[in-house]
Protein backbone atom coordinates (compact mmCIF):
# COMPACT_ATOMS: atom_id res chain seq x y z
CA MET A 1 17.59 31.77 14.04
CA SER A 2 20.21 29.57 16.39
CA TRP A 3 22.10 31.19 19.04
CA PHE A 4 25.60 31.03 17.26
CA SER A 5 23.73 32.81 13.90
CA ARG A 6 22.56 35.40 16.30
CA ASN A 7 25.62 35.93 18.19
CA ALA A 8 28.35 35.09 14.95
CA HIS A 9 29.83 38.06 15.19
CA TRP A 10 30.98 38.32 18.74
CA VAL A 11 32.32 34.83 18.67
CA THR A 12 34.41 35.39 15.53
CA LEU A 13 35.69 38.90 17.53
CA ALA A 14 36.62 36.99 20.91
CA LEU A 15 38.18 34.07 18.64
CA SER A 16 40.18 36.91 16.78
CA LEU A 17 40.97 38.83 19.68
CA VAL A 18 41.93 35.15 21.14
CA VAL A 19 44.11 34.06 18.47
CA GLY A 20 46.10 37.35 18.23
CA TYR A 21 47.33 37.44 21.62
CA VAL A 22 48.13 34.15 21.08
CA ILE A 23 50.61 35.64 18.12
CA VAL A 24 52.03 38.20 20.13
CA GLY A 25 52.89 35.67 22.79
CA PHE A 26 53.74 32.47 20.64
CA LEU A 27 56.27 35.06 18.87
CA GLY A 28 57.87 36.48 22.15
CA VAL A 29 58.29 33.23 23.55
CA SER A 30 59.94 31.81 20.37
CA ALA A 31 61.93 34.77 20.04
CA LEU A 32 62.97 34.60 23.58
CA ALA A 33 64.02 30.61 23.15
CA LEU A 34 66.23 31.33 19.71
CA LEU A 35 68.17 33.74 21.05
CA ALA A 36 68.59 31.70 23.83
CA GLY A 37 69.59 28.66 22.13
CA ALA A 38 71.82 30.79 19.97
CA PHE A 39 73.72 32.32 22.63
CA GLY A 40 73.41 29.06 24.80
CA GLY A 41 75.99 27.71 22.17
CA ALA A 42 73.27 25.16 20.65
CA SER A 43 74.42 24.49 16.75
CA PRO A 44 72.93 26.46 13.37
CA GLY A 45 71.24 23.46 12.33
CA ALA A 46 68.85 22.66 15.33
CA LEU A 47 68.24 26.74 15.58
CA LEU A 48 67.33 26.43 12.24
CA ALA A 49 64.85 23.97 12.29
CA ASP A 50 63.64 25.85 15.40
CA ALA A 51 63.11 28.71 13.37
CA ALA A 52 61.45 26.30 10.76
CA VAL A 53 59.09 24.99 13.56
CA VAL A 54 57.99 28.39 14.33
CA VAL A 55 57.44 29.87 10.86
CA GLY A 56 54.72 27.19 10.02
CA VAL A 57 52.95 27.66 13.42
CA ALA A 58 53.00 31.05 13.24
CA GLY A 59 51.58 31.06 9.48
CA LEU A 60 49.07 28.51 10.91
CA LEU A 61 48.11 30.93 13.60
CA ILE A 62 48.47 34.25 11.57
CA LEU A 63 46.04 32.15 8.47
CA ALA A 64 43.56 31.88 11.54
CA GLU A 65 43.70 35.43 12.08
CA VAL A 66 42.62 36.64 9.11
CA THR A 67 39.95 34.08 8.47
CA LEU A 68 38.77 34.54 12.01
CA THR A 69 38.90 38.82 10.84
CA VAL A 70 37.04 38.11 7.68
CA ALA A 71 34.32 35.85 9.44
CA PHE A 72 33.94 38.68 11.45
CA VAL A 73 33.73 41.38 8.78
CA VAL A 74 31.26 39.13 7.07
CA SER A 75 29.32 38.53 9.67
CA VAL A 76 28.89 42.82 11.08
CA VAL A 77 28.16 43.52 7.07
CA ARG A 78 25.40 41.47 6.62
CA ARG A 79 23.75 42.32 9.86
CA LEU A 80 23.83 46.01 9.17
CA SER A 81 21.64 48.13 7.02
CA PHE A 82 22.45 50.53 4.65
CA PRO A 83 20.81 53.56 3.43
CA THR A 84 19.10 52.59 -1.00
CA SER A 85 20.77 53.98 -3.28
CA ASP A 86 20.58 53.43 -7.54
CA ARG A 87 24.23 54.13 -7.76
CA ALA A 88 25.86 52.27 -4.77
CA ALA A 89 23.66 49.20 -6.39
CA TRP A 90 25.30 49.88 -9.17
CA VAL A 91 28.81 49.90 -7.87
CA PHE A 92 28.30 46.93 -6.18
CA SER A 93 27.05 45.33 -8.44
CA LEU A 94 29.93 46.19 -10.95
CA LEU A 95 32.22 45.50 -7.96
CA GLU A 96 30.54 41.85 -7.97
CA THR A 97 31.12 40.86 -11.41
CA VAL A 98 34.76 42.09 -11.38
CA LEU A 99 35.60 40.68 -7.65
CA PRO A 100 33.85 37.42 -7.05
CA PRO A 101 34.52 36.67 -3.53
CA ILE A 102 32.56 39.81 -2.22
CA ARG A 103 29.63 38.41 -4.19
CA GLY A 104 28.18 36.34 -1.37
CA LEU A 105 28.05 39.53 0.57
CA GLY A 106 25.35 40.53 -1.21
CA LEU A 107 26.07 44.12 -1.35
CA SER A 108 24.50 45.01 -4.55
CA GLU A 109 21.09 43.86 -3.14
CA ARG A 110 21.82 45.76 -0.03
CA PHE A 111 21.68 48.79 -1.54
CA ALA A 112 18.92 48.83 -4.26
CA PRO A 113 16.41 50.45 -3.34
CA SER A 114 12.86 48.17 -2.82
CA LEU A 115 10.07 47.98 -5.42
CA GLU A 116 8.07 50.65 -2.84
CA GLU A 117 10.69 52.77 -2.15
CA ARG A 118 11.24 53.55 -6.08
CA GLU A 119 7.24 53.88 -6.66
CA ARG A 120 7.56 56.73 -3.97
CA ALA A 121 10.78 58.21 -5.86
CA ILE A 122 8.45 58.04 -8.76
CA LYS A 123 5.49 59.68 -6.93
CA ARG A 124 7.45 62.28 -5.50
CA ARG A 125 8.89 63.32 -8.49
CA TYR A 126 5.86 63.64 -10.46
CA VAL A 127 4.27 65.77 -7.43
CA GLU A 128 7.14 68.06 -7.58
CA GLY A 129 6.81 68.38 -11.70
CA ASP A 130 9.55 66.54 -12.82
CA LEU A 131 7.39 64.14 -14.59
CA SER A 132 4.90 64.77 -16.88
CA GLU A 133 1.46 62.23 -16.47
CA ARG A 134 2.21 60.56 -19.68
CA ASP A 135 5.98 59.26 -17.98
CA PHE A 136 4.54 58.43 -14.19
CA GLU A 137 1.62 56.32 -16.02
CA ARG A 138 5.11 54.83 -17.85
CA GLU A 139 7.53 54.56 -15.41
CA MET A 140 5.13 53.23 -12.99
CA LEU A 141 3.79 50.70 -15.55
CA ASP A 142 7.17 49.53 -16.20
CA LEU A 143 7.86 48.98 -12.29
CA LEU A 144 4.79 47.11 -11.88
CA ALA A 145 6.27 44.65 -15.11
CA GLU A 146 9.14 44.48 -12.72
CA ALA A 147 7.47 43.95 -9.52
CA GLU A 148 4.90 41.12 -11.73
CA PRO A 149 6.85 40.04 -14.76
CA GLU A 150 3.84 37.45 -15.51
CA SER A 151 1.26 40.11 -15.59
CA PRO A 152 -0.33 41.26 -18.82
CA LEU A 153 1.41 44.55 -18.26
CA ALA A 154 4.69 43.22 -18.53
CA ASP A 155 4.38 43.75 -22.57
CA HIS A 156 2.40 47.56 -21.87
CA THR A 157 1.53 49.78 -24.44
CA ASP A 158 1.42 53.22 -23.78
CA PRO A 159 -2.31 54.60 -22.94
CA LEU A 160 -1.05 58.15 -23.67
CA ASP A 161 0.29 57.91 -27.19
CA PRO A 162 -1.31 59.15 -30.15
CA HIS A 163 -0.43 56.68 -32.39
CA GLU A 164 -1.73 53.44 -30.23
CA SER A 165 -5.08 52.77 -29.31
CA THR A 166 -6.83 52.75 -26.11
CA ARG A 167 -7.95 49.48 -27.08
CA GLY A 168 -6.25 47.00 -28.26
CA SER A 169 -7.14 43.26 -28.67
CA ASP A 170 -5.61 41.01 -26.57
CA ASP A 171 -3.49 37.48 -27.04
CA ARG A 172 -6.88 35.86 -26.95
CA GLY A 173 -8.41 37.97 -29.67
CA GLY A 174 -10.77 39.61 -27.30
CA ASP A 175 -10.49 43.33 -26.58
CA SER A 176 -9.04 44.35 -23.41
CA PRO A 177 -8.76 48.23 -21.84
CA ALA A 178 -5.86 50.09 -21.76
CA PRO A 179 -4.44 49.64 -18.09
CA ASP A 180 -5.11 52.15 -15.77
CA LEU A 181 -2.56 51.32 -13.00
CA LEU A 182 -3.68 53.50 -10.06
CA ASN A 183 -7.10 51.63 -10.02
CA ARG A 184 -5.57 48.15 -10.35
CA LYS A 185 -3.83 49.41 -7.79
CA ARG A 186 -6.36 49.98 -5.31
CA ARG A 187 -8.08 47.11 -6.06
CA ARG A 188 -4.72 45.15 -5.45
CA GLU A 189 -4.53 46.58 -1.89
CA THR A 190 -8.15 46.59 -1.10
CA GLU A 191 -8.01 42.25 -1.78
C-alpha cells in the first residue's frame, strides 16, 4: 500500500481546505476589484467582462472544492469499519441499484455479515431455542452451500424429512450418506 493510499483522506481534506480558502479570498478580492472599477468609472462592458471571468474562475474553483470534498468523504467511508446488519446491507443494496454512483463505495458489502457471523447467529438462535434441530441443520446446510457453491451440498436434501430417504443415490449412481454438517465442518477445520 502506497503512502498516498494510506493517507488519501488527509491529502484530500488538506486540499479541500486550501481550495476553500482560495475561493473565499478570490471572491473577496474580485468583489473589491469590481466595486473599485464601478466606482472608478469603468464602462459597463468592461465590468461585465471582468464579472464573467470572476464567475468562470469561481465556478472552476467550486467544482474543484466539491470534487475534493466528495473524494474526502469516499476515502473516509472506505476506511471505516461498520457494524454488520442484514437489514442495512439490504437497504444499501437497494440504494445502489437506484443510485448507481454510490455503487463504488461498496456499502452493501461492508454492512453484510460475514459467513462466520451468520454461522454464530444461527448457533445462538439454536442454543436459545429459537430454532429446532431440523431448522438448524437446514440453515447450516444453506450457509455451507452459499460458502461453497460447487459443493455437492449445494443441492442438498433435508436429512430429517421423513419423506426423503436418509441414504440416496448421488449423480454417479452410488449411495451417499446424508450430509452431517457438524462432522464435516470439524474435519475441514482439522485439515
